[in-house]
Amino acid sequence: MSEVYKKQIGGDHYQSMTIQPSEFINKNNLPFAEGNAIKYLCRHKQKGQRKDLEKAIHYCQMAIDRDYPKRFFRRSGEREKRIRRILSRSKKTNRRTKGKGAT
């Protein structure tokens, strides 16, 4: 481990870890959102608890939004409407086929 990673300013929540999140993040050239998600996942029990897990989820959502944009749904809520429509069709089909062919 490089000397720079042995030093921590503001707390000691990374000192007990085999490899500090910052070293892992830098050595793997991870983007900002992924790096922050890892940081918060690693420290949640020693520092921010549930709030840190919520932050990790938020950064994962940022990475998803950045790398996998919703290309097929132009308007807000369109995806949810389409899912509801598919589910309602599925329920109607299930109701019609119930009892048919049953012995």
Protein backbone atom coordinates (compact mmCIF):
# COMPACT_ATOMS: atom_id res chain seq x y z
CA MET A 1 0.00 0.00 0.00
CA SER A 2 1.28 3.43 -0.92
CA GLU A 3 2.01 5.83 1.93
CA VAL A 4 -0.76 8.15 0.74
CA TYR A 5 -3.41 5.48 1.47
CA LYS A 6 -2.14 4.94 5.03
CA LYS A 7 -3.19 8.48 5.92
CA GLN A 8 -6.82 9.37 6.57
CA ILE A 9 -8.02 12.85 7.33
CA GLY A 10 -11.22 13.10 9.36
CA GLY A 11 -12.01 9.85 11.13
CA ASP A 12 -10.65 6.32 11.16
CA HIS A 13 -13.50 4.36 9.53
CA TYR A 14 -11.26 3.14 6.66
CA GLN A 15 -8.21 2.22 8.75
CA SER A 16 -9.42 -1.29 9.65
CA MET A 17 -10.04 -2.26 6.02
CA THR A 18 -7.61 -4.52 4.16
CA ILE A 19 -7.72 -2.15 1.21
CA GLN A 20 -9.13 1.33 1.46
CA PRO A 21 -11.97 2.12 -0.94
CA SER A 22 -10.02 5.04 -2.40
CA GLU A 23 -7.10 2.77 -3.31
CA PHE A 24 -9.44 0.22 -4.94
CA ILE A 25 -11.34 2.94 -6.80
CA ASN A 26 -8.18 4.64 -8.10
CA LYS A 27 -6.37 1.44 -9.09
CA ASN A 28 -9.42 0.28 -11.06
CA ASN A 29 -10.06 3.70 -12.66
CA LEU A 30 -13.70 3.65 -11.60
CA PRO A 31 -15.96 6.56 -12.53
CA PHE A 32 -17.24 8.97 -9.89
CA ALA A 33 -20.66 7.40 -9.22
CA GLU A 34 -19.33 3.84 -8.95
CA GLY A 35 -16.49 5.00 -6.70
CA ASN A 36 -18.82 6.79 -4.32
CA ALA A 37 -21.18 3.80 -4.20
CA ILE A 38 -18.26 1.58 -3.17
CA LYS A 39 -17.07 4.10 -0.59
CA TYR A 40 -20.49 4.29 1.08
CA LEU A 41 -21.01 0.52 0.95
CA CYS A 42 -17.66 -0.06 2.65
CA ARG A 43 -18.14 2.40 5.48
CA HIS A 44 -21.85 2.15 6.33
CA LYS A 45 -21.40 0.04 9.49
CA GLN A 46 -18.63 2.23 10.92
CA LYS A 47 -20.02 5.63 10.00
CA GLY A 48 -23.29 6.59 8.34
CA GLN A 49 -25.28 3.35 8.73
CA ARG A 50 -28.56 3.32 6.80
CA LYS A 51 -27.93 6.80 5.36
CA ASP A 52 -24.70 5.59 3.76
CA LEU A 53 -26.53 2.65 2.16
CA GLU A 54 -29.14 5.06 0.80
CA LYS A 55 -26.32 7.19 -0.63
CA ALA A 56 -24.77 4.10 -2.26
CA ILE A 57 -28.12 3.28 -3.88
CA HIS A 58 -28.41 6.88 -5.08
CA TYR A 59 -24.99 6.70 -6.75
CA CYS A 60 -25.92 3.37 -8.37
CA GLN A 61 -29.05 5.03 -9.74
CA MET A 62 -26.88 7.82 -11.14
CA ALA A 63 -24.69 5.27 -12.94
CA ILE A 64 -27.77 3.54 -14.35
CA ASP A 65 -29.20 6.85 -15.54
CA ARG A 66 -25.86 7.80 -17.11
CA ASP A 67 -25.12 4.47 -18.83
CA TYR A 68 -28.61 3.10 -19.54
CA PRO A 69 -30.92 6.01 -20.36
CA LYS A 70 -34.61 5.39 -20.92
CA ARG A 71 -34.54 5.60 -24.72
CA PHE A 72 -37.95 4.12 -25.37
CA PHE A 73 -40.02 6.33 -23.09
CA ARG A 74 -40.14 9.97 -24.06
CA ARG A 75 -42.60 11.34 -21.54
CA SER A 76 -42.45 11.07 -17.79
CA GLY A 77 -44.56 8.18 -16.55
CA GLU A 78 -44.84 6.54 -19.98
CA ARG A 79 -42.85 3.50 -18.85
CA GLU A 80 -45.09 2.94 -15.83
CA LYS A 81 -48.25 3.31 -17.97
CA ARG A 82 -46.95 0.76 -20.45
CA ILE A 83 -46.11 -1.70 -17.67
CA ARG A 84 -49.60 -1.28 -16.13
CA ARG A 85 -51.20 -1.86 -19.54
CA ILE A 86 -49.21 -5.08 -20.07
CA LEU A 87 -50.06 -6.31 -16.58
CA SER A 88 -53.78 -5.58 -17.01
CA ARG A 89 -53.81 -7.50 -20.31
CA SER A 90 -52.09 -10.39 -18.58
CA LYS A 91 -54.74 -10.42 -15.83
CA LYS A 92 -57.57 -10.36 -18.39
CA THR A 93 -55.98 -13.27 -20.28
CA ASN A 94 -55.61 -15.23 -17.06
CA ARG A 95 -59.27 -14.67 -16.17
CA ARG A 96 -60.45 -15.83 -19.59
CA THR A 97 -58.31 -18.96 -19.61
CA LYS A 98 -59.09 -19.95 -16.02
CA GLY A 99 -61.25 -23.01 -15.96
CA LYS A 100 -60.66 -23.82 -19.63
CA GLY A 101 -59.05 -27.20 -20.04
CA ALA A 102 -59.11 -27.91 -16.31
CA THR A 103 -60.29 -31.37 -15.34
